[in-house]
Amino acid sequence: MRQPRHEGGAPLSEPRISVALDCGDVERQAEFWGAALGYDRLFAEAQYVVLGPRSGPAPRLVLQQVPEAKAGKNRLHLDLHVRAMGPEVARLEAIGARPLGTPFDECGCHWQVMNDILGNEFCVCEDDA
């Protein structure tokens, strides 16, 4: 059967993005990232928990239990864009995150690299967008 053609190689339907994070303790990660992002638990089964936004379009976060420990720097990480970095970093620390190094300016934004409760890196970015 011949596939329908479309311009520019664009998908025929609008794709949704999920970001997957391998975890040593999926329940602890679900608790942390649910609080950090303001996401709800949408699905849980065996070694998976899927978190999603309470409203509006945003990527889902798929937490996947794996047996091996994290080794080295993440190849993919989350950037949390906020209007005021100080209060957000303090809130994230209160739920278990740890800052790595000192804040810095890059690409017109103010950044703080952090670790989540199991050592995965993520960034907090203060910007107006």
N, C-alpha and C. Protein backbone atom coordinates (compact mmCIF):
# COMPACT_ATOMS: atom_id res chain seq x y z
N MET A 1 0.84 -1.18 0.00
CA MET A 1 0.00 0.00 0.00
C MET A 1 0.88 1.24 0.00
N ARG A 2 0.53 2.19 -0.77
CA ARG A 2 1.30 3.41 -0.90
C ARG A 2 1.00 4.36 0.26
N GLN A 3 2.08 4.95 0.85
CA GLN A 3 1.94 5.88 1.98
C GLN A 3 1.52 7.26 1.49
N PRO A 4 0.68 7.96 2.24
CA PRO A 4 0.30 9.32 1.86
C PRO A 4 1.52 10.24 1.84
N ARG A 5 1.52 11.17 0.91
CA ARG A 5 2.62 12.13 0.83
C ARG A 5 2.26 13.39 1.62
N HIS A 6 3.30 14.02 2.15
CA HIS A 6 3.11 15.29 2.85
C HIS A 6 4.34 16.15 2.60
N GLU A 7 4.15 17.46 2.72
CA GLU A 7 5.22 18.40 2.40
C GLU A 7 6.30 18.44 3.48
N GLY A 8 7.54 18.61 3.06
CA GLY A 8 8.64 18.87 3.97
C GLY A 8 9.01 17.75 4.90
N GLY A 9 8.50 16.58 4.69
CA GLY A 9 8.84 15.47 5.56
C GLY A 9 8.26 15.57 6.96
N ALA A 10 7.30 16.46 7.16
CA ALA A 10 6.69 16.63 8.48
C ALA A 10 5.84 15.41 8.81
N PRO A 11 5.72 15.07 10.08
CA PRO A 11 4.87 13.94 10.47
C PRO A 11 3.43 14.19 10.08
N LEU A 12 2.70 13.12 9.81
CA LEU A 12 1.28 13.24 9.45
C LEU A 12 0.43 13.59 10.66
N SER A 13 0.89 13.24 11.84
CA SER A 13 0.19 13.65 13.06
C SER A 13 1.20 14.33 13.97
N GLU A 14 0.71 15.14 14.88
CA GLU A 14 1.59 15.88 15.77
C GLU A 14 2.18 14.95 16.82
N PRO A 15 3.51 14.79 16.86
CA PRO A 15 4.10 13.89 17.84
C PRO A 15 4.09 14.51 19.24
N ARG A 16 4.03 13.68 20.24
CA ARG A 16 4.18 14.10 21.63
C ARG A 16 5.55 13.64 22.10
N ILE A 17 6.16 14.39 22.97
CA ILE A 17 7.48 14.04 23.47
C ILE A 17 7.36 13.51 24.89
N SER A 18 8.04 12.41 25.14
CA SER A 18 8.27 11.91 26.49
C SER A 18 9.77 11.87 26.69
N VAL A 19 10.21 12.21 27.88
CA VAL A 19 11.61 12.11 28.23
C VAL A 19 11.72 10.96 29.22
N ALA A 20 12.61 10.01 28.93
CA ALA A 20 12.78 8.84 29.79
C ALA A 20 14.02 9.01 30.66
N LEU A 21 13.89 8.64 31.92
CA LEU A 21 14.99 8.72 32.87
C LEU A 21 15.15 7.36 33.53
N ASP A 22 16.31 6.73 33.35
CA ASP A 22 16.61 5.48 34.03
C ASP A 22 16.84 5.76 35.51
N CYS A 23 16.30 4.89 36.37
CA CYS A 23 16.34 5.13 37.81
C CYS A 23 16.76 3.88 38.57
N GLY A 24 17.50 4.09 39.64
CA GLY A 24 17.80 3.01 40.57
C GLY A 24 16.66 2.81 41.56
N ASP A 25 15.86 3.85 41.80
CA ASP A 25 14.72 3.79 42.72
C ASP A 25 13.59 4.62 42.11
N VAL A 26 12.76 3.98 41.32
CA VAL A 26 11.74 4.68 40.55
C VAL A 26 10.73 5.41 41.44
N GLU A 27 10.39 4.86 42.59
CA GLU A 27 9.42 5.52 43.47
C GLU A 27 9.97 6.81 44.06
N ARG A 28 11.23 6.80 44.50
CA ARG A 28 11.85 8.03 45.02
C ARG A 28 11.95 9.09 43.93
N GLN A 29 12.32 8.66 42.73
CA GLN A 29 12.43 9.60 41.61
C GLN A 29 11.05 10.16 41.27
N ALA A 30 10.01 9.34 41.28
CA ALA A 30 8.66 9.81 40.98
C ALA A 30 8.22 10.86 41.99
N GLU A 31 8.52 10.63 43.25
CA GLU A 31 8.16 11.59 44.29
C GLU A 31 8.91 12.92 44.07
N PHE A 32 10.22 12.83 43.81
CA PHE A 32 11.02 14.03 43.60
C PHE A 32 10.58 14.80 42.36
N TRP A 33 10.54 14.13 41.20
CA TRP A 33 10.24 14.83 39.95
C TRP A 33 8.79 15.28 39.88
N GLY A 34 7.86 14.55 40.50
CA GLY A 34 6.48 15.03 40.57
C GLY A 34 6.41 16.37 41.30
N ALA A 35 7.12 16.47 42.43
CA ALA A 35 7.15 17.72 43.19
C ALA A 35 7.93 18.80 42.46
N ALA A 36 9.06 18.44 41.86
CA ALA A 36 9.90 19.43 41.18
C ALA A 36 9.19 20.06 40.00
N LEU A 37 8.45 19.26 39.23
CA LEU A 37 7.80 19.75 38.02
C LEU A 37 6.33 20.11 38.21
N GLY A 38 5.76 19.76 39.36
CA GLY A 38 4.33 19.96 39.55
C GLY A 38 3.52 19.00 38.69
N TYR A 39 4.08 17.81 38.45
CA TYR A 39 3.44 16.79 37.60
C TYR A 39 2.66 15.80 38.46
N ASP A 40 1.66 15.20 37.83
CA ASP A 40 0.87 14.14 38.46
C ASP A 40 1.33 12.78 37.95
N ARG A 41 1.08 11.76 38.73
CA ARG A 41 1.35 10.38 38.31
C ARG A 41 0.23 9.97 37.37
N LEU A 42 0.59 9.67 36.11
CA LEU A 42 -0.41 9.29 35.11
C LEU A 42 -0.54 7.78 34.97
N PHE A 43 0.55 7.07 35.25
CA PHE A 43 0.57 5.62 35.01
C PHE A 43 1.70 5.03 35.84
N ALA A 44 1.48 3.84 36.36
CA ALA A 44 2.53 3.12 37.06
C ALA A 44 2.30 1.63 36.86
N GLU A 45 3.37 0.94 36.50
CA GLU A 45 3.30 -0.51 36.32
C GLU A 45 4.70 -1.09 36.44
N ALA A 46 4.86 -2.09 37.28
CA ALA A 46 6.14 -2.78 37.46
C ALA A 46 7.27 -1.77 37.61
N GLN A 47 8.15 -1.68 36.60
CA GLN A 47 9.32 -0.82 36.72
C GLN A 47 9.14 0.56 36.09
N TYR A 48 7.92 0.98 35.78
CA TYR A 48 7.69 2.27 35.13
C TYR A 48 6.74 3.15 35.93
N VAL A 49 7.02 4.44 35.93
CA VAL A 49 6.08 5.46 36.39
C VAL A 49 6.11 6.56 35.35
N VAL A 50 4.93 7.00 34.91
CA VAL A 50 4.83 8.10 33.94
C VAL A 50 4.23 9.29 34.66
N LEU A 51 4.93 10.41 34.59
CA LEU A 51 4.47 11.66 35.18
C LEU A 51 4.10 12.62 34.06
N GLY A 52 3.07 13.43 34.31
CA GLY A 52 2.66 14.39 33.28
C GLY A 52 2.13 15.66 33.89
N PRO A 53 1.99 16.68 33.05
CA PRO A 53 1.54 17.99 33.52
C PRO A 53 0.08 17.97 33.96
N ARG A 54 -0.22 18.85 34.90
CA ARG A 54 -1.62 18.98 35.36
C ARG A 54 -2.48 19.65 34.29
N SER A 55 -1.86 20.49 33.48
CA SER A 55 -2.58 21.13 32.38
C SER A 55 -1.58 21.62 31.35
N GLY A 56 -2.06 21.83 30.15
CA GLY A 56 -1.23 22.38 29.09
C GLY A 56 -0.29 21.36 28.47
N PRO A 57 0.25 21.74 27.31
CA PRO A 57 1.16 20.83 26.62
C PRO A 57 2.56 20.89 27.22
N ALA A 58 3.06 19.78 27.61
CA ALA A 58 4.43 19.65 28.12
C ALA A 58 4.83 18.19 27.98
N PRO A 59 6.10 17.91 27.87
CA PRO A 59 6.53 16.51 27.75
C PRO A 59 6.20 15.72 29.00
N ARG A 60 5.92 14.46 28.81
CA ARG A 60 5.78 13.54 29.94
C ARG A 60 7.16 13.07 30.35
N LEU A 61 7.29 12.67 31.62
CA LEU A 61 8.53 12.13 32.12
C LEU A 61 8.28 10.66 32.46
N VAL A 62 9.01 9.78 31.77
CA VAL A 62 8.89 8.34 31.98
C VAL A 62 10.07 7.91 32.84
N LEU A 63 9.78 7.41 34.02
CA LEU A 63 10.80 6.92 34.93
C LEU A 63 10.85 5.40 34.80
N GLN A 64 12.04 4.89 34.52
CA GLN A 64 12.20 3.46 34.26
C GLN A 64 13.21 2.87 35.23
N GLN A 65 12.78 1.88 35.99
CA GLN A 65 13.67 1.18 36.94
C GLN A 65 14.70 0.38 36.17
N VAL A 66 15.98 0.55 36.50
CA VAL A 66 17.07 -0.23 35.90
C VAL A 66 17.96 -0.77 37.01
N PRO A 67 18.62 -1.90 36.76
CA PRO A 67 19.44 -2.50 37.82
C PRO A 67 20.79 -1.83 38.02
N GLU A 68 21.34 -1.24 36.96
CA GLU A 68 22.69 -0.68 37.08
C GLU A 68 22.66 0.73 37.66
N ALA A 69 23.73 1.09 38.36
CA ALA A 69 23.86 2.43 38.93
C ALA A 69 24.25 3.43 37.84
N LYS A 70 23.96 4.69 38.07
CA LYS A 70 24.38 5.75 37.16
C LYS A 70 25.90 5.79 37.12
N ALA A 71 26.45 5.96 35.93
CA ALA A 71 27.90 6.05 35.77
C ALA A 71 28.23 7.24 34.87
N GLY A 72 28.95 8.21 35.40
CA GLY A 72 29.36 9.35 34.60
C GLY A 72 28.28 10.40 34.44
N LYS A 73 28.55 11.37 33.60
CA LYS A 73 27.64 12.49 33.35
C LYS A 73 26.48 12.04 32.46
N ASN A 74 25.30 12.60 32.74
CA ASN A 74 24.13 12.32 31.90
C ASN A 74 24.40 12.76 30.47
N ARG A 75 23.93 11.98 29.51
CA ARG A 75 24.00 12.39 28.11
C ARG A 75 22.81 13.28 27.75
N LEU A 76 21.76 13.21 28.52
CA LEU A 76 20.55 14.00 28.32
C LEU A 76 20.12 14.48 29.69
N HIS A 77 19.70 15.73 29.79
CA HIS A 77 19.23 16.22 31.08
C HIS A 77 18.09 17.21 30.87
N LEU A 78 17.39 17.51 31.95
CA LEU A 78 16.30 18.46 31.91
C LEU A 78 16.80 19.85 32.26
N ASP A 79 16.27 20.87 31.59
CA ASP A 79 16.48 22.27 31.94
C ASP A 79 15.14 22.81 32.41
N LEU A 80 15.10 23.32 33.63
CA LEU A 80 13.88 23.91 34.17
C LEU A 80 13.99 25.42 34.03
N HIS A 81 13.16 26.03 33.19
CA HIS A 81 13.20 27.47 32.96
C HIS A 81 12.24 28.15 33.92
N VAL A 82 12.77 29.11 34.69
CA VAL A 82 11.99 29.79 35.72
C VAL A 82 12.24 31.29 35.62
N ARG A 83 11.37 32.07 36.25
CA ARG A 83 11.55 33.53 36.25
C ARG A 83 12.52 33.98 37.32
N ALA A 84 12.59 33.28 38.45
CA ALA A 84 13.47 33.66 39.55
C ALA A 84 14.22 32.43 40.05
N MET A 85 15.52 32.40 39.83
CA MET A 85 16.31 31.22 40.17
C MET A 85 16.43 30.97 41.67
N GLY A 86 16.71 32.00 42.45
CA GLY A 86 16.95 31.82 43.88
C GLY A 86 15.85 31.04 44.60
N PRO A 87 14.60 31.49 44.49
CA PRO A 87 13.53 30.76 45.18
C PRO A 87 13.34 29.35 44.63
N GLU A 88 13.52 29.16 43.32
CA GLU A 88 13.33 27.82 42.75
C GLU A 88 14.43 26.87 43.19
N VAL A 89 15.67 27.34 43.23
CA VAL A 89 16.78 26.50 43.71
C VAL A 89 16.53 26.12 45.18
N ALA A 90 16.09 27.08 45.97
CA ALA A 90 15.79 26.80 47.39
C ALA A 90 14.67 25.77 47.51
N ARG A 91 13.63 25.89 46.70
CA ARG A 91 12.51 24.92 46.74
C ARG A 91 12.99 23.53 46.36
N LEU A 92 13.81 23.44 45.32
CA LEU A 92 14.34 22.14 44.87
C LEU A 92 15.26 21.53 45.93
N GLU A 93 16.07 22.36 46.59
CA GLU A 93 16.91 21.85 47.68
C GLU A 93 16.05 21.30 48.80
N ALA A 94 14.94 21.95 49.09
CA ALA A 94 14.05 21.50 50.17
C ALA A 94 13.45 20.13 49.90
N ILE A 95 13.35 19.74 48.61
CA ILE A 95 12.81 18.41 48.30
C ILE A 95 13.91 17.41 47.94
N GLY A 96 15.18 17.80 48.17
CA GLY A 96 16.26 16.84 48.06
C GLY A 96 17.31 17.08 47.00
N ALA A 97 17.17 18.10 46.15
CA ALA A 97 18.17 18.37 45.12
C ALA A 97 19.39 19.05 45.75
N ARG A 98 20.53 18.97 45.04
CA ARG A 98 21.76 19.61 45.51
C ARG A 98 22.38 20.43 44.38
N PRO A 99 22.77 21.70 44.66
CA PRO A 99 23.46 22.48 43.64
C PRO A 99 24.86 21.92 43.37
N LEU A 100 25.29 22.00 42.13
CA LEU A 100 26.65 21.62 41.75
C LEU A 100 27.37 22.88 41.30
N GLY A 101 28.42 23.25 41.95
CA GLY A 101 29.16 24.44 41.57
C GLY A 101 28.38 25.70 41.85
N THR A 102 28.80 26.78 41.21
CA THR A 102 28.16 28.08 41.41
C THR A 102 27.36 28.45 40.17
N PRO A 103 26.35 29.30 40.33
CA PRO A 103 25.58 29.76 39.17
C PRO A 103 26.48 30.47 38.17
N PHE A 104 26.08 30.44 36.90
CA PHE A 104 26.87 31.08 35.84
C PHE A 104 25.93 31.62 34.77
N ASP A 105 26.47 32.54 33.96
CA ASP A 105 25.72 33.12 32.85
C ASP A 105 26.20 32.52 31.54
N GLU A 106 25.24 32.13 30.69
CA GLU A 106 25.57 31.58 29.38
C GLU A 106 24.34 31.71 28.49
N CYS A 107 24.55 32.03 27.23
CA CYS A 107 23.47 32.14 26.23
C CYS A 107 22.37 33.10 26.67
N GLY A 108 22.75 34.16 27.38
CA GLY A 108 21.78 35.16 27.80
C GLY A 108 20.92 34.76 28.98
N CYS A 109 21.27 33.67 29.66
CA CYS A 109 20.50 33.19 30.81
C CYS A 109 21.43 32.98 32.00
N HIS A 110 20.84 32.91 33.18
CA HIS A 110 21.55 32.61 34.42
C HIS A 110 21.23 31.15 34.77
N TRP A 111 22.25 30.33 35.00
CA TRP A 111 22.10 28.87 35.16
C TRP A 111 22.63 28.38 36.49
N GLN A 112 22.01 27.31 37.00
CA GLN A 112 22.53 26.56 38.14
C GLN A 112 22.39 25.08 37.80
N VAL A 113 23.51 24.37 37.79
CA VAL A 113 23.48 22.92 37.60
C VAL A 113 23.18 22.30 38.96
N MET A 114 22.32 21.26 38.94
CA MET A 114 21.93 20.60 40.19
C MET A 114 21.93 19.09 39.99
N ASN A 115 21.90 18.37 41.11
CA ASN A 115 21.68 16.93 41.12
C ASN A 115 20.32 16.66 41.73
N ASP A 116 19.59 15.68 41.15
CA ASP A 116 18.36 15.25 41.80
C ASP A 116 18.72 14.32 42.95
N ILE A 117 17.75 13.68 43.55
CA ILE A 117 18.00 12.88 44.75
C ILE A 117 18.85 11.64 44.51
N LEU A 118 18.97 11.20 43.24
CA LEU A 118 19.81 10.03 42.94
C LEU A 118 21.05 10.40 42.13
N GLY A 119 21.36 11.69 42.05
CA GLY A 119 22.60 12.12 41.40
C GLY A 119 22.51 12.45 39.93
N ASN A 120 21.31 12.47 39.34
CA ASN A 120 21.16 12.86 37.93
C ASN A 120 21.24 14.37 37.82
N GLU A 121 22.03 14.85 36.86
CA GLU A 121 22.18 16.28 36.67
C GLU A 121 20.95 16.88 35.97
N PHE A 122 20.62 18.10 36.36
CA PHE A 122 19.64 18.92 35.65
C PHE A 122 20.01 20.36 35.88
N CYS A 123 19.44 21.26 35.11
CA CYS A 123 19.77 22.68 35.23
C CYS A 123 18.53 23.51 35.54
N VAL A 124 18.74 24.57 36.29
CA VAL A 124 17.72 25.58 36.50
C VAL A 124 18.20 26.81 35.74
N CYS A 125 17.34 27.35 34.88
CA CYS A 125 17.68 28.48 34.03
C CYS A 125 16.73 29.63 34.33
N GLU A 126 17.30 30.76 34.72
CA GLU A 126 16.49 31.96 34.95
C GLU A 126 16.43 32.74 33.65
N ASP A 127 15.24 32.86 33.09
CA ASP A 127 15.05 33.64 31.87
C ASP A 127 13.64 34.22 31.84
N ASP A 128 13.38 35.06 30.88
CA ASP A 128 12.08 35.72 30.76
C ASP A 128 11.12 35.00 29.84
N ALA A 129 11.62 34.04 29.07
CA ALA A 129 10.80 33.39 28.04
C ALA A 129 9.84 32.39 28.63
